[in-house]
Amino acid sequence: MALETDRQLLRTAIEEARAGLAEGGIPIGAALYGPDGALLGRGHNRRVQDGDPAMHAETAAFRAAGRQRSYRGTTMVTTLSPCWYCSGLVRQFGISRVVIGEARTFRGGHGWLAEHGVEIVLLDDPECAALMTAFIADRPDLWYEDIGA
């Protein structure tokens, strides 16, 4: 996929991140796209809203996509580098690509994913970085709870 297409796909994840922030949650969004570019599922971090520590953005998008015969050729788009939990989800189900908005504020498991054959596209998107930087400054308690610090 072309870089411009990946940037367009990221818009869905950014919309989700903003929705999570508006709900009082952590502004991380994600979307899962099929090999043909069709949107399969989208979601945002809902740990605060649902009181569910496992409801990360990638998990929400994955669950919204529903059961697929195979995840080969799919692309997970996320506003932030995926944590180890979400990186494990990508590996477990054979998601082929991960498009990441930014890894400045948190460097998750994307290096490990690349080492294991997952195509990683790091866009270093300024809007994603600004969203997380502002959130971390405003709500460090929620941020450090989310990353397990």
N, C-alpha and C. Protein backbone atom coordinates (compact mmCIF):
# COMPACT_ATOMS: atom_id res chain seq x y z
N MET A 1 0.85 -1.19 0.00
CA MET A 1 0.00 0.00 0.00
C MET A 1 0.88 1.24 0.00
N ALA A 2 0.41 2.22 -0.67
CA ALA A 2 1.17 3.46 -0.76
C ALA A 2 1.09 4.21 0.56
N LEU A 3 2.09 5.03 0.79
CA LEU A 3 2.15 5.82 2.02
C LEU A 3 0.91 6.71 2.17
N GLU A 4 0.45 7.29 1.10
CA GLU A 4 -0.74 8.16 1.16
C GLU A 4 -1.97 7.36 1.57
N THR A 5 -2.09 6.14 1.09
CA THR A 5 -3.21 5.27 1.49
C THR A 5 -3.13 4.98 2.98
N ASP A 6 -1.93 4.69 3.47
CA ASP A 6 -1.76 4.42 4.90
C ASP A 6 -2.15 5.64 5.74
N ARG A 7 -1.81 6.82 5.27
CA ARG A 7 -2.20 8.05 5.98
C ARG A 7 -3.72 8.21 6.00
N GLN A 8 -4.37 7.83 4.92
CA GLN A 8 -5.84 7.90 4.88
C GLN A 8 -6.45 6.89 5.86
N LEU A 9 -5.89 5.70 5.92
CA LEU A 9 -6.39 4.69 6.86
C LEU A 9 -6.20 5.16 8.30
N LEU A 10 -5.12 5.87 8.55
CA LEU A 10 -4.85 6.38 9.90
C LEU A 10 -5.95 7.34 10.35
N ARG A 11 -6.59 8.04 9.43
CA ARG A 11 -7.65 8.99 9.80
C ARG A 11 -8.75 8.29 10.62
N THR A 12 -9.08 7.06 10.27
CA THR A 12 -10.10 6.31 11.01
C THR A 12 -9.65 6.10 12.45
N ALA A 13 -8.40 5.71 12.63
CA ALA A 13 -7.87 5.49 13.98
C ALA A 13 -7.83 6.80 14.77
N ILE A 14 -7.49 7.90 14.13
CA ILE A 14 -7.47 9.20 14.81
C ILE A 14 -8.88 9.59 15.24
N GLU A 15 -9.87 9.35 14.39
CA GLU A 15 -11.26 9.62 14.78
C GLU A 15 -11.63 8.82 16.03
N GLU A 16 -11.21 7.58 16.07
CA GLU A 16 -11.49 6.74 17.23
C GLU A 16 -10.77 7.26 18.47
N ALA A 17 -9.53 7.69 18.33
CA ALA A 17 -8.78 8.23 19.47
C ALA A 17 -9.48 9.46 20.03
N ARG A 18 -9.93 10.31 19.16
CA ARG A 18 -10.64 11.52 19.59
C ARG A 18 -11.96 11.17 20.28
N ALA A 19 -12.65 10.15 19.79
CA ALA A 19 -13.90 9.70 20.43
C ALA A 19 -13.61 9.19 21.85
N GLY A 20 -12.53 8.43 22.00
CA GLY A 20 -12.15 7.94 23.33
C GLY A 20 -11.84 9.07 24.29
N LEU A 21 -11.13 10.07 23.82
CA LEU A 21 -10.80 11.23 24.64
C LEU A 21 -12.09 11.97 25.05
N ALA A 22 -13.01 12.14 24.12
CA ALA A 22 -14.27 12.83 24.40
C ALA A 22 -15.11 12.08 25.44
N GLU A 23 -14.91 10.78 25.54
CA GLU A 23 -15.63 9.96 26.52
C GLU A 23 -14.94 9.93 27.87
N GLY A 24 -13.81 10.63 27.98
CA GLY A 24 -13.06 10.63 29.23
C GLY A 24 -12.02 9.54 29.32
N GLY A 25 -11.74 8.90 28.21
CA GLY A 25 -10.77 7.80 28.20
C GLY A 25 -9.43 8.20 27.62
N ILE A 26 -8.64 7.20 27.32
CA ILE A 26 -7.29 7.36 26.81
C ILE A 26 -7.36 7.47 25.29
N PRO A 27 -6.76 8.50 24.68
CA PRO A 27 -6.94 8.74 23.25
C PRO A 27 -6.04 7.89 22.35
N ILE A 28 -6.39 6.62 22.28
CA ILE A 28 -5.70 5.71 21.37
C ILE A 28 -6.79 5.05 20.53
N GLY A 29 -6.62 5.09 19.22
CA GLY A 29 -7.61 4.51 18.32
C GLY A 29 -6.96 3.53 17.36
N ALA A 30 -7.78 2.63 16.83
CA ALA A 30 -7.27 1.63 15.90
C ALA A 30 -8.36 1.21 14.92
N ALA A 31 -7.93 0.61 13.82
CA ALA A 31 -8.85 0.05 12.83
C ALA A 31 -8.17 -1.14 12.17
N LEU A 32 -8.97 -2.13 11.82
CA LEU A 32 -8.46 -3.31 11.12
C LEU A 32 -9.04 -3.31 9.72
N TYR A 33 -8.15 -3.39 8.72
CA TYR A 33 -8.54 -3.37 7.32
C TYR A 33 -8.22 -4.71 6.67
N GLY A 34 -9.10 -5.14 5.78
CA GLY A 34 -8.88 -6.38 5.05
C GLY A 34 -7.85 -6.23 3.96
N PRO A 35 -7.44 -7.35 3.37
CA PRO A 35 -6.45 -7.31 2.29
C PRO A 35 -6.88 -6.45 1.11
N ASP A 36 -8.20 -6.31 0.93
CA ASP A 36 -8.74 -5.50 -0.17
C ASP A 36 -8.92 -4.03 0.21
N GLY A 37 -8.54 -3.68 1.44
CA GLY A 37 -8.66 -2.31 1.90
C GLY A 37 -9.99 -1.99 2.56
N ALA A 38 -10.87 -2.97 2.67
CA ALA A 38 -12.18 -2.75 3.30
C ALA A 38 -12.01 -2.67 4.82
N LEU A 39 -12.72 -1.74 5.42
CA LEU A 39 -12.71 -1.60 6.87
C LEU A 39 -13.45 -2.78 7.49
N LEU A 40 -12.76 -3.54 8.34
CA LEU A 40 -13.37 -4.70 9.01
C LEU A 40 -13.90 -4.32 10.39
N GLY A 41 -13.14 -3.47 11.09
CA GLY A 41 -13.55 -3.08 12.43
C GLY A 41 -12.73 -1.89 12.90
N ARG A 42 -13.31 -1.13 13.82
CA ARG A 42 -12.63 0.04 14.36
C ARG A 42 -12.99 0.14 15.84
N GLY A 43 -12.12 0.82 16.60
CA GLY A 43 -12.40 0.98 18.02
C GLY A 43 -11.36 1.85 18.69
N HIS A 44 -11.60 2.11 19.96
CA HIS A 44 -10.66 2.92 20.74
C HIS A 44 -10.49 2.32 22.13
N ASN A 45 -9.44 2.74 22.78
CA ASN A 45 -9.15 2.29 24.13
C ASN A 45 -10.36 2.62 25.00
N ARG A 46 -10.88 1.61 25.71
CA ARG A 46 -12.07 1.77 26.55
C ARG A 46 -11.82 1.28 27.97
N ARG A 47 -10.57 1.27 28.38
CA ARG A 47 -10.22 0.79 29.73
C ARG A 47 -10.96 1.57 30.80
N VAL A 48 -10.98 2.89 30.66
CA VAL A 48 -11.62 3.75 31.66
C VAL A 48 -13.14 3.63 31.56
N GLN A 49 -13.68 3.79 30.36
CA GLN A 49 -15.12 3.79 30.15
C GLN A 49 -15.78 2.48 30.58
N ASP A 50 -15.13 1.35 30.27
CA ASP A 50 -15.72 0.04 30.56
C ASP A 50 -15.18 -0.59 31.85
N GLY A 51 -14.15 0.03 32.45
CA GLY A 51 -13.52 -0.60 33.60
C GLY A 51 -12.88 -1.93 33.24
N ASP A 52 -12.43 -2.05 32.00
CA ASP A 52 -11.90 -3.30 31.47
C ASP A 52 -10.44 -3.09 31.06
N PRO A 53 -9.49 -3.62 31.82
CA PRO A 53 -8.08 -3.39 31.52
C PRO A 53 -7.61 -3.99 30.20
N ALA A 54 -8.41 -4.89 29.62
CA ALA A 54 -8.01 -5.54 28.38
C ALA A 54 -8.57 -4.84 27.14
N MET A 55 -9.36 -3.79 27.32
CA MET A 55 -10.00 -3.17 26.16
C MET A 55 -9.14 -2.05 25.59
N HIS A 56 -8.04 -2.47 24.99
CA HIS A 56 -7.16 -1.54 24.28
C HIS A 56 -7.76 -1.26 22.90
N ALA A 57 -7.25 -0.25 22.23
CA ALA A 57 -7.79 0.16 20.93
C ALA A 57 -7.70 -0.97 19.91
N GLU A 58 -6.55 -1.62 19.83
CA GLU A 58 -6.38 -2.70 18.86
C GLU A 58 -7.32 -3.86 19.17
N THR A 59 -7.51 -4.14 20.45
CA THR A 59 -8.43 -5.20 20.86
C THR A 59 -9.85 -4.84 20.45
N ALA A 60 -10.24 -3.59 20.67
CA ALA A 60 -11.59 -3.14 20.30
C ALA A 60 -11.82 -3.26 18.80
N ALA A 61 -10.83 -2.84 18.00
CA ALA A 61 -10.96 -2.93 16.54
C ALA A 61 -11.03 -4.39 16.10
N PHE A 62 -10.20 -5.22 16.68
CA PHE A 62 -10.16 -6.65 16.36
C PHE A 62 -11.50 -7.30 16.68
N ARG A 63 -12.04 -7.01 17.85
CA ARG A 63 -13.33 -7.58 18.25
C ARG A 63 -14.45 -7.07 17.37
N ALA A 64 -14.40 -5.78 17.00
CA ALA A 64 -15.44 -5.21 16.14
C ALA A 64 -15.42 -5.85 14.74
N ALA A 65 -14.26 -6.32 14.32
CA ALA A 65 -14.15 -6.97 13.00
C ALA A 65 -14.87 -8.31 12.98
N GLY A 66 -15.05 -8.90 14.13
CA GLY A 66 -15.70 -10.21 14.17
C GLY A 66 -14.78 -11.31 13.68
N ARG A 67 -15.30 -12.48 13.71
CA ARG A 67 -14.54 -13.66 13.31
C ARG A 67 -14.23 -13.62 11.81
N GLN A 68 -12.97 -13.82 11.49
CA GLN A 68 -12.52 -13.88 10.10
C GLN A 68 -11.93 -15.26 9.86
N ARG A 69 -12.07 -15.76 8.69
CA ARG A 69 -11.48 -17.07 8.36
C ARG A 69 -9.96 -17.02 8.52
N SER A 70 -9.38 -15.89 8.10
CA SER A 70 -7.95 -15.69 8.21
C SER A 70 -7.68 -14.20 8.36
N TYR A 71 -6.60 -13.89 9.04
CA TYR A 71 -6.19 -12.49 9.19
C TYR A 71 -4.97 -12.18 8.33
N ARG A 72 -4.54 -13.14 7.54
CA ARG A 72 -3.41 -12.92 6.63
C ARG A 72 -3.77 -11.82 5.64
N GLY A 73 -2.85 -10.92 5.44
CA GLY A 73 -3.08 -9.83 4.50
C GLY A 73 -3.81 -8.64 5.10
N THR A 74 -4.23 -8.75 6.36
CA THR A 74 -4.92 -7.63 6.98
C THR A 74 -3.92 -6.61 7.52
N THR A 75 -4.42 -5.40 7.75
CA THR A 75 -3.60 -4.30 8.27
C THR A 75 -4.26 -3.72 9.50
N MET A 76 -3.53 -3.70 10.61
CA MET A 76 -3.98 -3.03 11.82
C MET A 76 -3.39 -1.63 11.79
N VAL A 77 -4.24 -0.63 11.90
CA VAL A 77 -3.80 0.76 11.93
C VAL A 77 -4.06 1.26 13.34
N THR A 78 -3.05 1.87 13.95
CA THR A 78 -3.18 2.34 15.32
C THR A 78 -2.49 3.68 15.49
N THR A 79 -3.04 4.51 16.35
CA THR A 79 -2.46 5.84 16.54
C THR A 79 -1.16 5.79 17.33
N LEU A 80 -0.93 4.72 18.07
CA LEU A 80 0.25 4.60 18.94
C LEU A 80 0.88 3.23 18.78
N SER A 81 2.19 3.16 18.90
CA SER A 81 2.88 1.88 18.83
C SER A 81 2.20 0.86 19.76
N PRO A 82 1.88 -0.32 19.26
CA PRO A 82 1.14 -1.28 20.08
C PRO A 82 1.96 -1.80 21.26
N CYS A 83 1.29 -1.90 22.40
CA CYS A 83 1.93 -2.46 23.61
C CYS A 83 2.21 -3.94 23.38
N TRP A 84 2.82 -4.58 24.35
CA TRP A 84 3.13 -6.01 24.21
C TRP A 84 1.88 -6.86 24.09
N TYR A 85 0.84 -6.50 24.82
CA TYR A 85 -0.44 -7.22 24.77
C TYR A 85 -1.00 -7.17 23.34
N CYS A 86 -1.06 -5.98 22.77
CA CYS A 86 -1.62 -5.83 21.43
C CYS A 86 -0.67 -6.38 20.36
N SER A 87 0.63 -6.30 20.60
CA SER A 87 1.59 -6.91 19.69
C SER A 87 1.39 -8.42 19.66
N GLY A 88 1.11 -9.00 20.81
CA GLY A 88 0.83 -10.43 20.89
C GLY A 88 -0.41 -10.80 20.09
N LEU A 89 -1.43 -9.95 20.13
CA LEU A 89 -2.64 -10.18 19.35
C LEU A 89 -2.31 -10.22 17.86
N VAL A 90 -1.50 -9.27 17.41
CA VAL A 90 -1.09 -9.22 16.00
C VAL A 90 -0.39 -10.51 15.61
N ARG A 91 0.54 -10.97 16.43
CA ARG A 91 1.28 -12.21 16.14
C ARG A 91 0.38 -13.44 16.22
N GLN A 92 -0.43 -13.51 17.26
CA GLN A 92 -1.29 -14.68 17.47
C GLN A 92 -2.19 -14.95 16.27
N PHE A 93 -2.74 -13.89 15.71
CA PHE A 93 -3.71 -14.07 14.64
C PHE A 93 -3.15 -13.83 13.24
N GLY A 94 -1.85 -13.57 13.14
CA GLY A 94 -1.20 -13.47 11.83
C GLY A 94 -1.56 -12.23 11.03
N ILE A 95 -1.84 -11.12 11.73
CA ILE A 95 -2.07 -9.86 11.04
C ILE A 95 -0.77 -9.48 10.34
N SER A 96 -0.85 -9.15 9.06
CA SER A 96 0.36 -9.00 8.24
C SER A 96 1.07 -7.66 8.35
N ARG A 97 0.30 -6.60 8.57
CA ARG A 97 0.87 -5.25 8.58
C ARG A 97 0.34 -4.48 9.77
N VAL A 98 1.17 -3.57 10.28
CA VAL A 98 0.74 -2.63 11.31
C VAL A 98 1.21 -1.25 10.88
N VAL A 99 0.25 -0.34 10.76
CA VAL A 99 0.54 1.06 10.45
C VAL A 99 0.39 1.82 11.76
N ILE A 100 1.46 2.53 12.14
CA ILE A 100 1.53 3.18 13.45
C ILE A 100 1.58 4.69 13.25
N GLY A 101 0.68 5.39 13.95
CA GLY A 101 0.68 6.85 13.89
C GLY A 101 1.94 7.45 14.47
N GLU A 102 2.30 7.00 15.67
CA GLU A 102 3.52 7.55 16.31
C GLU A 102 4.06 6.60 17.36
N ALA A 103 5.36 6.74 17.61
CA ALA A 103 6.04 5.96 18.65
C ALA A 103 6.92 6.87 19.51
N ARG A 104 6.68 8.17 19.45
CA ARG A 104 7.48 9.11 20.26
C ARG A 104 7.13 8.99 21.74
N THR A 105 5.84 8.93 22.03
CA THR A 105 5.40 8.93 23.43
C THR A 105 5.43 7.55 24.05
N PHE A 106 5.44 6.52 23.23
CA PHE A 106 5.49 5.14 23.73
C PHE A 106 6.02 4.25 22.64
N ARG A 107 7.08 3.55 22.95
CA ARG A 107 7.67 2.63 21.99
C ARG A 107 7.30 1.22 22.44
N GLY A 108 6.27 0.70 21.83
CA GLY A 108 5.75 -0.62 22.19
C GLY A 108 6.54 -1.74 21.55
N GLY A 109 5.81 -2.75 21.09
CA GLY A 109 6.43 -3.96 20.57
C GLY A 109 6.59 -4.00 19.07
N HIS A 110 6.57 -2.86 18.41
CA HIS A 110 6.63 -2.93 16.95
C HIS A 110 7.97 -3.43 16.40
N GLY A 111 9.05 -3.20 17.13
CA GLY A 111 10.34 -3.74 16.69
C GLY A 111 10.33 -5.26 16.72
N TRP A 112 9.75 -5.81 17.77
CA TRP A 112 9.61 -7.26 17.91
C TRP A 112 8.74 -7.83 16.79
N LEU A 113 7.67 -7.13 16.48
CA LEU A 113 6.80 -7.58 15.39
C LEU A 113 7.57 -7.61 14.07
N ALA A 114 8.34 -6.57 13.81
CA ALA A 114 9.13 -6.52 12.57
C ALA A 114 10.12 -7.68 12.51
N GLU A 115 10.74 -7.99 13.64
CA GLU A 115 11.68 -9.12 13.69
C GLU A 115 11.01 -10.45 13.36
N HIS A 116 9.70 -10.50 13.54
CA HIS A 116 8.96 -11.73 13.29
C HIS A 116 8.11 -11.66 12.02
N GLY A 117 8.51 -10.80 11.10
CA GLY A 117 7.93 -10.81 9.77
C GLY A 117 6.70 -9.95 9.54
N VAL A 118 6.30 -9.17 10.54
CA VAL A 118 5.16 -8.28 10.35
C VAL A 118 5.68 -6.99 9.71
N GLU A 119 5.03 -6.56 8.66
CA GLU A 119 5.41 -5.31 8.01
C GLU A 119 4.97 -4.15 8.90
N ILE A 120 5.92 -3.29 9.25
CA ILE A 120 5.65 -2.14 10.11
C ILE A 120 5.82 -0.86 9.29
N VAL A 121 4.82 0.01 9.39
CA VAL A 121 4.90 1.33 8.76
C VAL A 121 4.72 2.34 9.88
N LEU A 122 5.77 3.08 10.18
CA LEU A 122 5.73 4.10 11.23
C LEU A 122 5.62 5.47 10.56
N LEU A 123 4.45 6.09 10.70
CA LEU A 123 4.18 7.34 10.00
C LEU A 123 4.71 8.58 10.73
N ASP A 124 4.97 8.48 12.03
CA ASP A 124 5.42 9.62 12.83
C ASP A 124 4.51 10.82 12.60
N ASP A 125 3.22 10.59 12.77
CA ASP A 125 2.20 11.60 12.52
C ASP A 125 2.17 12.65 13.64
N PRO A 126 2.33 13.93 13.31
CA PRO A 126 2.36 14.97 14.34
C PRO A 126 1.05 15.10 15.12
N GLU A 127 -0.09 14.85 14.47
CA GLU A 127 -1.37 14.94 15.17
C GLU A 127 -1.48 13.85 16.24
N CYS A 128 -1.06 12.65 15.91
CA CYS A 128 -1.08 11.55 16.89
C CYS A 128 -0.16 11.86 18.07
N ALA A 129 1.04 12.35 17.76
CA ALA A 129 2.00 12.67 18.82
C ALA A 129 1.47 13.79 19.71
N ALA A 130 0.88 14.82 19.12
CA ALA A 130 0.34 15.94 19.90
C ALA A 130 -0.81 15.49 20.79
N LEU A 131 -1.66 14.63 20.28
CA LEU A 131 -2.79 14.11 21.05
C LEU A 131 -2.31 13.38 22.30
N MET A 132 -1.32 12.50 22.14
CA MET A 132 -0.81 11.73 23.29
C MET A 132 0.01 12.60 24.23
N THR A 133 0.82 13.50 23.69
CA THR A 133 1.64 14.38 24.54
C THR A 133 0.75 15.21 25.45
N ALA A 134 -0.31 15.78 24.89
CA ALA A 134 -1.24 16.59 25.69
C ALA A 134 -1.95 15.73 26.73
N PHE A 135 -2.37 14.53 26.33
CA PHE A 135 -3.06 13.65 27.27
C PHE A 135 -2.14 13.25 28.44
N ILE A 136 -0.92 12.89 28.12
CA ILE A 136 0.02 12.47 29.17
C ILE A 136 0.27 13.62 30.14
N ALA A 137 0.38 14.84 29.63
CA ALA A 137 0.58 16.01 30.50
C ALA A 137 -0.65 16.26 31.37
N ASP A 138 -1.85 16.07 30.81
CA ASP A 138 -3.09 16.34 31.54
C ASP A 138 -3.48 15.22 32.50
N ARG A 139 -3.22 13.98 32.12
CA ARG A 139 -3.68 12.83 32.91
C ARG A 139 -2.59 11.78 33.09
N PRO A 140 -1.47 12.15 33.70
CA PRO A 140 -0.40 11.16 33.86
C PRO A 140 -0.85 9.94 34.66
N ASP A 141 -1.79 10.12 35.57
CA ASP A 141 -2.27 8.99 36.36
C ASP A 141 -2.89 7.90 35.46
N LEU A 142 -3.76 8.30 34.54
CA LEU A 142 -4.37 7.33 33.64
C LEU A 142 -3.36 6.74 32.68
N TRP A 143 -2.46 7.57 32.19
CA TRP A 143 -1.45 7.09 31.25
C TRP A 143 -0.57 6.01 31.89
N TYR A 144 -0.05 6.29 33.07
CA TYR A 144 0.85 5.32 33.71
C TYR A 144 0.11 4.07 34.16
N GLU A 145 -1.16 4.22 34.49
CA GLU A 145 -1.98 3.04 34.78
C GLU A 145 -2.13 2.19 33.51
N ASP A 146 -2.36 2.85 32.38
CA ASP A 146 -2.58 2.15 31.12
C ASP A 146 -1.34 1.37 30.69
N ILE A 147 -0.18 1.95 30.86
CA ILE A 147 1.04 1.26 30.41
C ILE A 147 1.63 0.36 31.49
N GLY A 148 0.97 0.29 32.64
CA GLY A 148 1.41 -0.63 33.68
C GLY A 148 2.61 -0.13 34.47
N ALA A 149 2.80 1.18 34.50
CA ALA A 149 3.97 1.72 35.23
C ALA A 149 3.62 2.02 36.67
